[in-house]
Amino acid sequence: MSRLLRLAALALTLSAPAAGQGQVPFSATLITTSKHNPPETMTMKVYSSGRKFRMESDKTTVVTDLTRGKSYNLVPAQKLAIEIPFPADFRQSWSAPGSPCAARKGSTCKDLGAEKVGGRQAHKWQITPEKGTATTLWLDARTRFPLKSESADSSSELRDLKEGPQPEALFAVPKDFKISTAAGLRDVLDSARPAPSDK
Protein backbone atom coordinates (compact mmCIF):
# COMPACT_ATOMS: atom_id res chain seq x y z
CA MET A 1 0.00 0.00 0.00
CA SER A 2 1.41 3.39 -0.98
CA ARG A 3 2.37 6.02 1.59
CA LEU A 4 -0.42 8.35 0.45
CA LEU A 5 -2.99 5.55 0.75
CA ARG A 6 -1.76 4.83 4.27
CA LEU A 7 -2.19 8.53 5.12
CA ALA A 8 -5.71 8.53 3.68
CA ALA A 9 -6.54 5.33 5.54
CA LEU A 10 -5.18 6.88 8.75
CA ALA A 11 -7.77 9.64 8.57
CA LEU A 12 -10.46 6.97 8.27
CA THR A 13 -8.92 4.99 11.13
CA LEU A 14 -8.86 7.99 13.45
CA SER A 15 -12.45 8.91 12.66
CA ALA A 16 -13.95 5.42 12.39
CA PRO A 17 -15.61 5.40 15.84
CA ALA A 18 -17.50 8.53 14.81
CA ALA A 19 -18.05 7.54 11.19
CA GLY A 20 -19.45 4.21 12.32
CA GLN A 21 -22.37 6.09 13.88
CA GLY A 22 -23.29 7.73 10.57
CA GLN A 23 -26.69 6.70 9.21
CA VAL A 24 -26.49 8.68 5.95
CA PRO A 25 -24.92 6.76 3.02
CA PHE A 26 -22.91 8.81 0.54
CA SER A 27 -20.29 8.94 -2.19
CA ALA A 28 -17.56 11.57 -2.49
CA THR A 29 -14.08 12.34 -3.77
CA LEU A 30 -11.19 12.36 -1.28
CA ILE A 31 -8.11 14.48 -2.09
CA THR A 32 -5.07 13.66 0.05
CA THR A 33 -1.84 15.67 -0.16
CA SER A 34 1.42 14.84 1.57
CA LYS A 35 3.48 17.59 3.17
CA HIS A 36 6.80 16.26 1.96
CA ASN A 37 9.13 17.84 -0.58
CA PRO A 38 7.99 17.52 -3.26
CA PRO A 39 4.36 17.11 -2.17
CA GLU A 40 2.29 14.25 -3.57
CA THR A 41 -1.45 14.27 -4.21
CA MET A 42 -3.78 11.28 -4.50
CA THR A 43 -7.44 11.31 -5.54
CA MET A 44 -9.78 8.57 -4.34
CA LYS A 45 -13.47 7.84 -4.59
CA VAL A 46 -15.09 7.14 -1.21
CA TYR A 47 -18.33 5.23 -0.72
CA SER A 48 -20.04 4.76 2.64
CA SER A 49 -23.08 2.83 3.78
CA GLY A 50 -23.67 2.38 7.51
CA ARG A 51 -20.48 0.85 8.84
CA LYS A 52 -19.03 -0.12 5.48
CA PHE A 53 -16.57 1.89 3.40
CA ARG A 54 -14.84 1.69 0.04
CA MET A 55 -11.80 3.79 -0.95
CA GLU A 56 -10.87 3.50 -4.63
CA SER A 57 -8.10 5.04 -6.73
CA ASP A 58 -6.73 4.23 -10.18
CA LYS A 59 -4.13 2.01 -8.49
CA THR A 60 -5.85 0.35 -5.55
CA THR A 61 -9.15 -0.34 -3.82
CA VAL A 62 -9.76 -0.89 -0.11
CA VAL A 63 -13.05 -2.15 1.33
CA THR A 64 -13.76 -2.01 5.07
CA ASP A 65 -16.51 -3.52 7.22
CA LEU A 66 -16.39 -1.87 10.65
CA THR A 67 -18.87 -4.31 12.20
CA ARG A 68 -16.78 -7.35 11.23
CA GLY A 69 -13.49 -5.59 11.90
CA LYS A 70 -12.24 -6.52 8.44
CA SER A 71 -10.47 -4.51 5.73
CA TYR A 72 -9.17 -5.75 2.37
CA ASN A 73 -6.88 -4.35 -0.32
CA LEU A 74 -8.32 -5.60 -3.63
CA VAL A 75 -5.98 -6.53 -6.49
CA PRO A 76 -8.23 -7.18 -9.54
CA ALA A 77 -5.40 -8.23 -11.88
CA GLN A 78 -4.61 -11.20 -9.60
CA LYS A 79 -8.19 -11.59 -8.30
CA LEU A 80 -6.68 -11.24 -4.84
CA ALA A 81 -7.95 -9.64 -1.61
CA ILE A 82 -5.21 -8.92 0.93
CA GLU A 83 -6.49 -8.64 4.49
CA ILE A 84 -5.25 -5.51 6.25
CA PRO A 85 -4.60 -6.02 9.99
CA PHE A 86 -6.86 -4.24 12.48
CA PRO A 87 -5.78 -3.29 16.03
CA ALA A 88 -7.16 -5.81 18.53
CA ASP A 89 -9.32 -3.29 20.41
CA PHE A 90 -10.36 -1.27 17.32
CA ARG A 91 -13.56 -3.21 16.58
CA GLN A 92 -15.03 -2.41 20.02
CA SER A 93 -15.06 1.35 19.39
CA TRP A 94 -17.54 1.55 16.50
CA SER A 95 -20.58 2.39 18.60
CA ALA A 96 -18.88 5.02 20.77
CA PRO A 97 -21.16 8.08 21.07
CA GLY A 98 -20.06 11.71 20.98
CA SER A 99 -16.31 12.20 21.02
CA PRO A 100 -14.22 10.20 18.49
CA CYS A 101 -12.02 9.23 21.47
CA ALA A 102 -14.84 7.93 23.67
CA ALA A 103 -13.81 4.29 23.25
CA ARG A 104 -10.25 4.64 21.98
CA LYS A 105 -7.66 3.75 24.59
CA GLY A 106 -4.70 6.08 24.87
CA SER A 107 -6.07 8.79 22.58
CA THR A 108 -7.31 12.20 23.69
CA CYS A 109 -9.75 14.49 21.89
CA LYS A 110 -10.09 18.25 22.13
CA ASP A 111 -13.46 19.68 21.11
CA LEU A 112 -12.83 22.72 18.89
CA GLY A 113 -16.46 23.54 18.19
CA ALA A 114 -18.70 23.77 15.12
CA GLU A 115 -17.57 25.05 11.72
CA LYS A 116 -18.83 24.93 8.15
CA VAL A 117 -16.76 23.19 5.48
CA GLY A 118 -17.85 23.58 1.87
CA GLY A 119 -21.30 24.70 3.00
CA ARG A 120 -21.82 21.64 5.24
CA GLN A 121 -22.05 21.77 9.02
CA ALA A 122 -19.11 20.06 10.73
CA HIS A 123 -17.65 19.56 14.20
CA LYS A 124 -13.92 20.15 14.62
CA TRP A 125 -11.82 17.80 16.78
CA GLN A 126 -8.13 17.52 17.55
CA ILE A 127 -7.19 13.87 18.09
CA THR A 128 -3.88 12.97 19.75
CA PRO A 129 -2.98 9.26 19.81
CA GLU A 130 -0.92 7.73 22.59
CA LYS A 131 1.95 7.45 20.12
CA GLY A 132 2.32 9.85 17.22
CA THR A 133 1.29 13.39 16.39
CA ALA A 134 -2.08 15.11 16.56
CA THR A 135 -4.59 15.16 13.71
CA THR A 136 -7.36 17.73 13.33
CA LEU A 137 -10.64 16.47 11.84
CA TRP A 138 -13.78 18.29 10.69
CA LEU A 139 -16.52 15.65 11.07
CA ASP A 140 -19.62 16.12 8.92
CA ALA A 141 -22.72 16.56 11.07
CA ARG A 142 -24.83 14.16 8.97
CA THR A 143 -22.42 11.46 7.76
CA ARG A 144 -19.94 11.72 10.68
CA PHE A 145 -17.17 11.30 8.10
CA PRO A 146 -14.24 13.77 8.04
CA LEU A 147 -14.79 16.57 5.52
CA LYS A 148 -11.22 17.72 6.19
CA SER A 149 -8.19 16.50 8.10
CA GLU A 150 -4.82 18.08 8.89
CA SER A 151 -1.75 16.41 10.35
CA ALA A 152 2.01 16.91 10.33
CA ASP A 153 2.34 14.54 7.36
CA SER A 154 -0.68 15.27 5.20
CA SER A 155 -3.96 17.06 4.60
CA SER A 156 -7.16 15.74 3.07
CA GLU A 157 -10.46 17.15 1.88
CA LEU A 158 -13.73 15.47 0.92
CA ARG A 159 -15.35 17.00 -2.17
CA ASP A 160 -18.51 16.44 -4.22
CA LEU A 161 -20.27 14.68 -1.36
CA LYS A 162 -23.58 13.21 -2.54
CA GLU A 163 -25.94 11.59 -0.07
CA GLY A 164 -27.88 8.54 -1.19
CA PRO A 165 -28.01 4.71 -1.09
CA GLN A 166 -24.94 2.84 -2.33
CA PRO A 167 -24.88 -0.61 -4.02
CA GLU A 168 -24.07 -3.34 -1.48
CA ALA A 169 -21.67 -4.97 -3.97
CA LEU A 170 -19.29 -2.01 -3.59
CA PHE A 171 -18.39 -3.15 -0.07
CA ALA A 172 -17.94 -6.88 -0.68
CA VAL A 173 -14.92 -8.90 -1.72
CA PRO A 174 -15.81 -10.42 -5.14
CA LYS A 175 -16.66 -14.12 -4.85
CA ASP A 176 -13.99 -15.16 -7.34
CA PHE A 177 -11.21 -13.37 -5.38
CA LYS A 178 -8.82 -15.34 -3.20
CA ILE A 179 -8.40 -13.90 0.31
CA SER A 180 -4.86 -13.77 1.68
CA THR A 181 -3.04 -12.14 4.57
CA ALA A 182 0.02 -9.98 3.95
CA ALA A 183 2.19 -12.75 5.41
CA GLY A 184 0.47 -15.32 3.18
CA LEU A 185 1.11 -13.15 0.13
CA ARG A 186 4.82 -13.03 0.95
CA ASP A 187 4.87 -16.85 1.12
CA VAL A 188 3.21 -17.06 -2.31
CA LEU A 189 5.72 -14.62 -3.83
CA ASP A 190 8.65 -16.45 -2.23
CA SER A 191 7.49 -19.80 -3.62
CA ALA A 192 7.14 -18.28 -7.09
CA ARG A 193 10.72 -17.06 -7.22
CA PRO A 194 13.14 -19.20 -9.25
CA ALA A 195 15.52 -21.38 -7.27
CA PRO A 196 19.07 -20.00 -6.83
CA SER A 197 21.49 -21.14 -9.50
CA ASP A 198 24.38 -23.41 -8.45
CA LYS A 199 26.64 -21.73 -10.98
C-alpha atoms as a PDB file:
ATOM      1  CA  MET A   1       0.000   0.000   0.000  1.00  0.00           C
ATOM      2  CA  SER A   2       1.405   3.392  -0.980  1.00  0.00           C
ATOM      3  CA  ARG A   3       2.366   6.016   1.595  1.00  0.00           C
ATOM      4  CA  LEU A   4      -0.420   8.347   0.451  1.00  0.00           C
ATOM      5  CA  LEU A   5      -2.992   5.553   0.746  1.00  0.00           C
ATOM      6  CA  ARG A   6      -1.764   4.833   4.270  1.00  0.00           C
ATOM      7  CA  LEU A   7      -2.194   8.528   5.116  1.00  0.00           C
ATOM      8  CA  ALA A   8      -5.715   8.531   3.681  1.00  0.00           C
ATOM      9  CA  ALA A   9      -6.539   5.330   5.543  1.00  0.00           C
ATOM     10  CA  LEU A  10      -5.184   6.875   8.750  1.00  0.00           C
ATOM     11  CA  ALA A  11      -7.775   9.640   8.569  1.00  0.00           C
ATOM     12  CA  LEU A  12     -10.462   6.973   8.270  1.00  0.00           C
ATOM     13  CA  THR A  13      -8.921   4.986  11.133  1.00  0.00           C
ATOM     14  CA  LEU A  14      -8.859   7.992  13.453  1.00  0.00           C
ATOM     15  CA  SER A  15     -12.450   8.913  12.657  1.00  0.00           C
ATOM     16  CA  ALA A  16     -13.948   5.416  12.395  1.00  0.00           C
ATOM     17  CA  PRO A  17     -15.611   5.399  15.844  1.00  0.00           C
ATOM     18  CA  ALA A  18     -17.495   8.531  14.811  1.00  0.00           C
ATOM     19  CA  ALA A  19     -18.054   7.536  11.186  1.00  0.00           C
ATOM     20  CA  GLY A  20     -19.453   4.206  12.324  1.00  0.00           C
ATOM     21  CA  GLN A  21     -22.368   6.085  13.876  1.00  0.00           C
ATOM     22  CA  GLY A  22     -23.290   7.732  10.568  1.00  0.00           C
ATOM     23  CA  GLN A  23     -26.691   6.695   9.212  1.00  0.00           C
ATOM     24  CA  VAL A  24     -26.490   8.682   5.952  1.00  0.00           C
ATOM     25  CA  PRO A  25     -24.921   6.762   3.024  1.00  0.00           C
ATOM     26  CA  PHE A  26     -22.915   8.806   0.535  1.00  0.00           C
ATOM     27  CA  SER A  27     -20.295   8.936  -2.192  1.00  0.00           C
ATOM     28  CA  ALA A  28     -17.556  11.569  -2.486  1.00  0.00           C
ATOM     29  CA  THR A  29     -14.075  12.341  -3.772  1.00  0.00           C
ATOM     30  CA  LEU A  30     -11.186  12.363  -1.279  1.00  0.00           C
ATOM     31  CA  ILE A  31      -8.111  14.482  -2.090  1.00  0.00           C
ATOM     32  CA  THR A  32      -5.068  13.655   0.055  1.00  0.00           C
ATOM     33  CA  THR A  33      -1.841  15.674  -0.158  1.00  0.00           C
ATOM     34  CA  SER A  34       1.418  14.839   1.570  1.00  0.00           C
ATOM     35  CA  LYS A  35       3.480  17.594   3.168  1.00  0.00           C
ATOM     36  CA  HIS A  36       6.800  16.255   1.957  1.00  0.00           C
ATOM     37  CA  ASN A  37       9.126  17.845  -0.577  1.00  0.00           C
ATOM     38  CA  PRO A  38       7.994  17.518  -3.259  1.00  0.00           C
ATOM     39  CA  PRO A  39       4.363  17.109  -2.168  1.00  0.00           C
ATOM     40  CA  GLU A  40       2.286  14.252  -3.575  1.00  0.00           C
ATOM     41  CA  THR A  41      -1.451  14.266  -4.206  1.00  0.00           C
ATOM     42  CA  MET A  42      -3.781  11.284  -4.503  1.00  0.00           C
ATOM     43  CA  THR A  43      -7.442  11.314  -5.539  1.00  0.00           C
ATOM     44  CA  MET A  44      -9.785   8.567  -4.337  1.00  0.00           C
ATOM     45  CA  LYS A  45     -13.474   7.844  -4.588  1.00  0.00           C
ATOM     46  CA  VAL A  46     -15.087   7.136  -1.215  1.00  0.00           C
ATOM     47  CA  TYR A  47     -18.329   5.230  -0.720  1.00  0.00           C
ATOM     48  CA  SER A  48     -20.035   4.757   2.643  1.00  0.00           C
ATOM     49  CA  SER A  49     -23.079   2.828   3.782  1.00  0.00           C
ATOM     50  CA  GLY A  50     -23.673   2.382   7.512  1.00  0.00           C
ATOM     51  CA  ARG A  51     -20.482   0.847   8.843  1.00  0.00           C
ATOM     52  CA  LYS A  52     -19.033  -0.116   5.475  1.00  0.00           C
ATOM     53  CA  PHE A  53     -16.574   1.894   3.396  1.00  0.00           C
ATOM     54  CA  ARG A  54     -14.843   1.688   0.039  1.00  0.00           C
ATOM     55  CA  MET A  55     -11.801   3.786  -0.954  1.00  0.00           C
ATOM     56  CA  GLU A  56     -10.870   3.497  -4.630  1.00  0.00           C
ATOM     57  CA  SER A  57      -8.103   5.043  -6.730  1.00  0.00           C
ATOM     58  CA  ASP A  58      -6.728   4.226 -10.179  1.00  0.00           C
ATOM     59  CA  LYS A  59      -4.128   2.007  -8.489  1.00  0.00           C
ATOM     60  CA  THR A  60      -5.849   0.347  -5.553  1.00  0.00           C
ATOM     61  CA  THR A  61      -9.153  -0.336  -3.820  1.00  0.00           C
ATOM     62  CA  VAL A  62      -9.757  -0.891  -0.107  1.00  0.00           C
ATOM     63  CA  VAL A  63     -13.055  -2.151   1.333  1.00  0.00           C
ATOM     64  CA  THR A  64     -13.764  -2.014   5.068  1.00  0.00           C
ATOM     65  CA  ASP A  65     -16.509  -3.517   7.224  1.00  0.00           C
ATOM     66  CA  LEU A  66     -16.387  -1.873  10.649  1.00  0.00           C
ATOM     67  CA  THR A  67     -18.870  -4.314  12.201  1.00  0.00           C
ATOM     68  CA  ARG A  68     -16.784  -7.348  11.233  1.00  0.00           C
ATOM     69  CA  GLY A  69     -13.495  -5.587  11.903  1.00  0.00           C
ATOM     70  CA  LYS A  70     -12.241  -6.518   8.437  1.00  0.00           C
ATOM     71  CA  SER A  71     -10.474  -4.510   5.733  1.00  0.00           C
ATOM     72  CA  TYR A  72      -9.166  -5.751   2.373  1.00  0.00           C
ATOM     73  CA  ASN A  73      -6.884  -4.347  -0.317  1.00  0.00           C
ATOM     74  CA  LEU A  74      -8.323  -5.601  -3.629  1.00  0.00           C
ATOM     75  CA  VAL A  75      -5.979  -6.533  -6.491  1.00  0.00           C
ATOM     76  CA  PRO A  76      -8.230  -7.177  -9.543  1.00  0.00           C
ATOM     77  CA  ALA A  77      -5.397  -8.232 -11.883  1.00  0.00           C
ATOM     78  CA  GLN A  78      -4.607 -11.202  -9.596  1.00  0.00           C
ATOM     79  CA  LYS A  79      -8.186 -11.592  -8.296  1.00  0.00           C
ATOM     80  CA  LEU A  80      -6.685 -11.239  -4.841  1.00  0.00           C
ATOM     81  CA  ALA A  81      -7.953  -9.642  -1.609  1.00  0.00           C
ATOM     82  CA  ILE A  82      -5.209  -8.921   0.930  1.00  0.00           C
ATOM     83  CA  GLU A  83      -6.495  -8.642   4.491  1.00  0.00           C
ATOM     84  CA  ILE A  84      -5.246  -5.505   6.247  1.00  0.00           C
ATOM     85  CA  PRO A  85      -4.596  -6.019   9.986  1.00  0.00           C
ATOM     86  CA  PHE A  86      -6.863  -4.237  12.480  1.00  0.00           C
ATOM     87  CA  PRO A  87      -5.777  -3.285  16.033  1.00  0.00           C
ATOM     88  CA  ALA A  88      -7.161  -5.813  18.527  1.00  0.00           C
ATOM     89  CA  ASP A  89      -9.324  -3.288  20.405  1.00  0.00           C
ATOM     90  CA  PHE A  90     -10.355  -1.275  17.322  1.00  0.00           C
ATOM     91  CA  ARG A  91     -13.560  -3.207  16.581  1.00  0.00           C
ATOM     92  CA  GLN A  92     -15.030  -2.410  20.016  1.00  0.00           C
ATOM     93  CA  SER A  93     -15.062   1.355  19.389  1.00  0.00           C
ATOM     94  CA  TRP A  94     -17.540   1.548  16.495  1.00  0.00           C
ATOM     95  CA  SER A  95     -20.581   2.388  18.604  1.00  0.00           C
ATOM     96  CA  ALA A  96     -18.879   5.023  20.766  1.00  0.00           C
ATOM     97  CA  PRO A  97     -21.162   8.075  21.069  1.00  0.00           C
ATOM     98  CA  GLY A  98     -20.062  11.707  20.984  1.00  0.00           C
ATOM     99  CA  SER A  99     -16.310  12.197  21.016  1.00  0.00           C
ATOM    100  CA  PRO A 100     -14.223  10.202  18.490  1.00  0.00           C
ATOM    101  CA  CYS A 101     -12.020   9.230  21.471  1.00  0.00           C
ATOM    102  CA  ALA A 102     -14.844   7.934  23.675  1.00  0.00           C
ATOM    103  CA  ALA A 103     -13.813   4.291  23.251  1.00  0.00           C
ATOM    104  CA  ARG A 104     -10.248   4.641  21.984  1.00  0.00           C
ATOM    105  CA  LYS A 105      -7.660   3.749  24.589  1.00  0.00           C
ATOM    106  CA  GLY A 106      -4.702   6.076  24.871  1.00  0.00           C
ATOM    107  CA  SER A 107      -6.074   8.792  22.582  1.00  0.00           C
ATOM    108  CA  THR A 108      -7.310  12.200  23.688  1.00  0.00           C
ATOM    109  CA  CYS A 109      -9.746  14.489  21.886  1.00  0.00           C
ATOM    110  CA  LYS A 110     -10.091  18.248  22.128  1.00  0.00           C
ATOM    111  CA  ASP A 111     -13.465  19.683  21.113  1.00  0.00           C
ATOM    112  CA  LEU A 112     -12.828  22.721  18.889  1.00  0.00           C
ATOM    113  CA  GLY A 113     -16.462  23.540  18.191  1.00  0.00           C
ATOM    114  CA  ALA A 114     -18.702  23.774  15.122  1.00  0.00           C
ATOM    115  CA  GLU A 115     -17.571  25.051  11.720  1.00  0.00           C
ATOM    116  CA  LYS A 116     -18.829  24.931   8.151  1.00  0.00           C
ATOM    117  CA  VAL A 117     -16.761  23.190   5.475  1.00  0.00           C
ATOM    118  CA  GLY A 118     -17.846  23.585   1.871  1.00  0.00           C
ATOM    119  CA  GLY A 119     -21.298  24.698   2.996  1.00  0.00           C
ATOM    120  CA  ARG A 120     -21.820  21.643   5.238  1.00  0.00           C
ATOM    121  CA  GLN A 121     -22.053  21.768   9.018  1.00  0.00           C
ATOM    122  CA  ALA A 122     -19.114  20.063  10.732  1.00  0.00           C
ATOM    123  CA  HIS A 123     -17.645  19.564  14.200  1.00  0.00           C
ATOM    124  CA  LYS A 124     -13.923  20.145  14.622  1.00  0.00           C
ATOM    125  CA  TRP A 125     -11.824  17.799  16.776  1.00  0.00           C
ATOM    126  CA  GLN A 126      -8.130  17.516  17.553  1.00  0.00           C
ATOM    127  CA  ILE A 127      -7.190  13.870  18.094  1.00  0.00           C
ATOM    128  CA  THR A 128      -3.883  12.971  19.750  1.00  0.00           C
ATOM    129  CA  PRO A 129      -2.981   9.261  19.814  1.00  0.00           C
ATOM    130  CA  GLU A 130      -0.923   7.725  22.591  1.00  0.00           C
ATOM    131  CA  LYS A 131       1.949   7.448  20.123  1.00  0.00           C
ATOM    132  CA  GLY A 132       2.317   9.852  17.224  1.00  0.00           C
ATOM    133  CA  THR A 133       1.291  13.391  16.386  1.00  0.00           C
ATOM    134  CA  ALA A 134      -2.084  15.115  16.563  1.00  0.00           C
ATOM    135  CA  THR A 135      -4.588  15.156  13.710  1.00  0.00           C
ATOM    136  CA  THR A 136      -7.362  17.725  13.325  1.00  0.00           C
ATOM    137  CA  LEU A 137     -10.643  16.469  11.845  1.00  0.00           C
ATOM    138  CA  TRP A 138     -13.777  18.287  10.690  1.00  0.00           C
ATOM    139  CA  LEU A 139     -16.519  15.650  11.069  1.00  0.00           C
ATOM    140  CA  ASP A 140     -19.618  16.119   8.924  1.00  0.00           C
ATOM    141  CA  ALA A 141     -22.724  16.559  11.073  1.00  0.00           C
ATOM    142  CA  ARG A 142     -24.829  14.156   8.968  1.00  0.00           C
ATOM    143  CA  THR A 143     -22.424  11.460   7.762  1.00  0.00           C
ATOM    144  CA  ARG A 144     -19.944  11.722  10.678  1.00  0.00           C
ATOM    145  CA  PHE A 145     -17.172  11.299   8.103  1.00  0.00           C
ATOM    146  CA  PRO A 146     -14.244  13.773   8.037  1.00  0.00           C
ATOM    147  CA  LEU A 147     -14.787  16.572   5.518  1.00  0.00           C
ATOM    148  CA  LYS A 148     -11.220  17.718   6.188  1.00  0.00           C
ATOM    149  CA  SER A 149      -8.188  16.499   8.097  1.00  0.00           C
ATOM    150  CA  GLU A 150      -4.824  18.079   8.887  1.00  0.00           C
ATOM    151  CA  SER A 151      -1.745  16.407  10.352  1.00  0.00           C
ATOM    152  CA  ALA A 152       2.010  16.913  10.327  1.00  0.00           C
ATOM    153  CA  ASP A 153       2.336  14.539   7.357  1.00  0.00           C
ATOM    154  CA  SER A 154      -0.684  15.269   5.200  1.00  0.00           C
ATOM    155  CA  SER A 155      -3.957  17.063   4.604  1.00  0.00           C
ATOM    156  CA  SER A 156      -7.159  15.739   3.069  1.00  0.00           C
ATOM    157  CA  GLU A 157     -10.464  17.146   1.880  1.00  0.00           C
ATOM    158  CA  LEU A 158     -13.729  15.474   0.925  1.00  0.00           C
ATOM    159  CA  ARG A 159     -15.351  16.996  -2.173  1.00  0.00           C
ATOM    160  CA  ASP A 160     -18.506  16.440  -4.224  1.00  0.00           C
ATOM    161  CA  LEU A 161     -20.274  14.677  -1.361  1.00  0.00           C
ATOM    162  CA  LYS A 162     -23.576  13.205  -2.540  1.00  0.00           C
ATOM    163  CA  GLU A 163     -25.943  11.590  -0.068  1.00  0.00           C
ATOM    164  CA  GLY A 164     -27.882   8.538  -1.193  1.00  0.00           C
ATOM    165  CA  PRO A 165     -28.008   4.706  -1.091  1.00  0.00           C
ATOM    166  CA  GLN A 166     -24.935   2.836  -2.330  1.00  0.00           C
ATOM    167  CA  PRO A 167     -24.879  -0.615  -4.023  1.00  0.00           C
ATOM    168  CA  GLU A 168     -24.067  -3.343  -1.483  1.00  0.00           C
ATOM    169  CA  ALA A 169     -21.673  -4.967  -3.971  1.00  0.00           C
ATOM    170  CA  LEU A 170     -19.293  -2.012  -3.588  1.00  0.00           C
ATOM    171  CA  PHE A 171     -18.388  -3.146  -0.069  1.00  0.00           C
ATOM    172  CA  ALA A 172     -17.942  -6.876  -0.685  1.00  0.00           C
ATOM    173  CA  VAL A 173     -14.915  -8.902  -1.723  1.00  0.00           C
ATOM    174  CA  PRO A 174     -15.808 -10.420  -5.139  1.00  0.00           C
ATOM    175  CA  LYS A 175     -16.655 -14.117  -4.846  1.00  0.00           C
ATOM    176  CA  ASP A 176     -13.985 -15.155  -7.343  1.00  0.00           C
ATOM    177  CA  PHE A 177     -11.210 -13.374  -5.380  1.00  0.00           C
ATOM    178  CA  LYS A 178      -8.815 -15.341  -3.199  1.00  0.00           C
ATOM    179  CA  ILE A 179      -8.395 -13.896   0.311  1.00  0.00           C
ATOM    180  CA  SER A 180      -4.861 -13.770   1.682  1.00  0.00           C
ATOM    181  CA  THR A 181      -3.035 -12.139   4.574  1.00  0.00           C
ATOM    182  CA  ALA A 182       0.015  -9.981   3.948  1.00  0.00           C
ATOM    183  CA  ALA A 183       2.189 -12.752   5.405  1.00  0.00           C
ATOM    184  CA  GLY A 184       0.471 -15.322   3.176  1.00  0.00           C
ATOM    185  CA  LEU A 185       1.113 -13.150   0.128  1.00  0.00           C
ATOM    186  CA  ARG A 186       4.824 -13.031   0.954  1.00  0.00           C
ATOM    187  CA  ASP A 187       4.875 -16.846   1.120  1.00  0.00           C
ATOM    188  CA  VAL A 188       3.209 -17.058  -2.310  1.00  0.00           C
ATOM    189  CA  LEU A 189       5.716 -14.623  -3.829  1.00  0.00           C
ATOM    190  CA  ASP A 190       8.650 -16.452  -2.228  1.00  0.00           C
ATOM    191  CA  SER A 191       7.489 -19.804  -3.618  1.00  0.00           C
ATOM    192  CA  ALA A 192       7.143 -18.278  -7.092  1.00  0.00           C
ATOM    193  CA  ARG A 193      10.725 -17.055  -7.215  1.00  0.00           C
ATOM    194  CA  PRO A 194      13.143 -19.200  -9.255  1.00  0.00           C
ATOM    195  CA  ALA A 195      15.517 -21.378  -7.265  1.00  0.00           C
ATOM    196  CA  PRO A 196      19.072 -20.001  -6.830  1.00  0.00           C
ATOM    197  CA  SER A 197      21.493 -21.141  -9.500  1.00  0.00           C
ATOM    198  CA  ASP A 198      24.384 -23.405  -8.450  1.00  0.00           C
ATOM    199  CA  LYS A 199      26.641 -21.727 -10.985  1.00  0.00           C
END
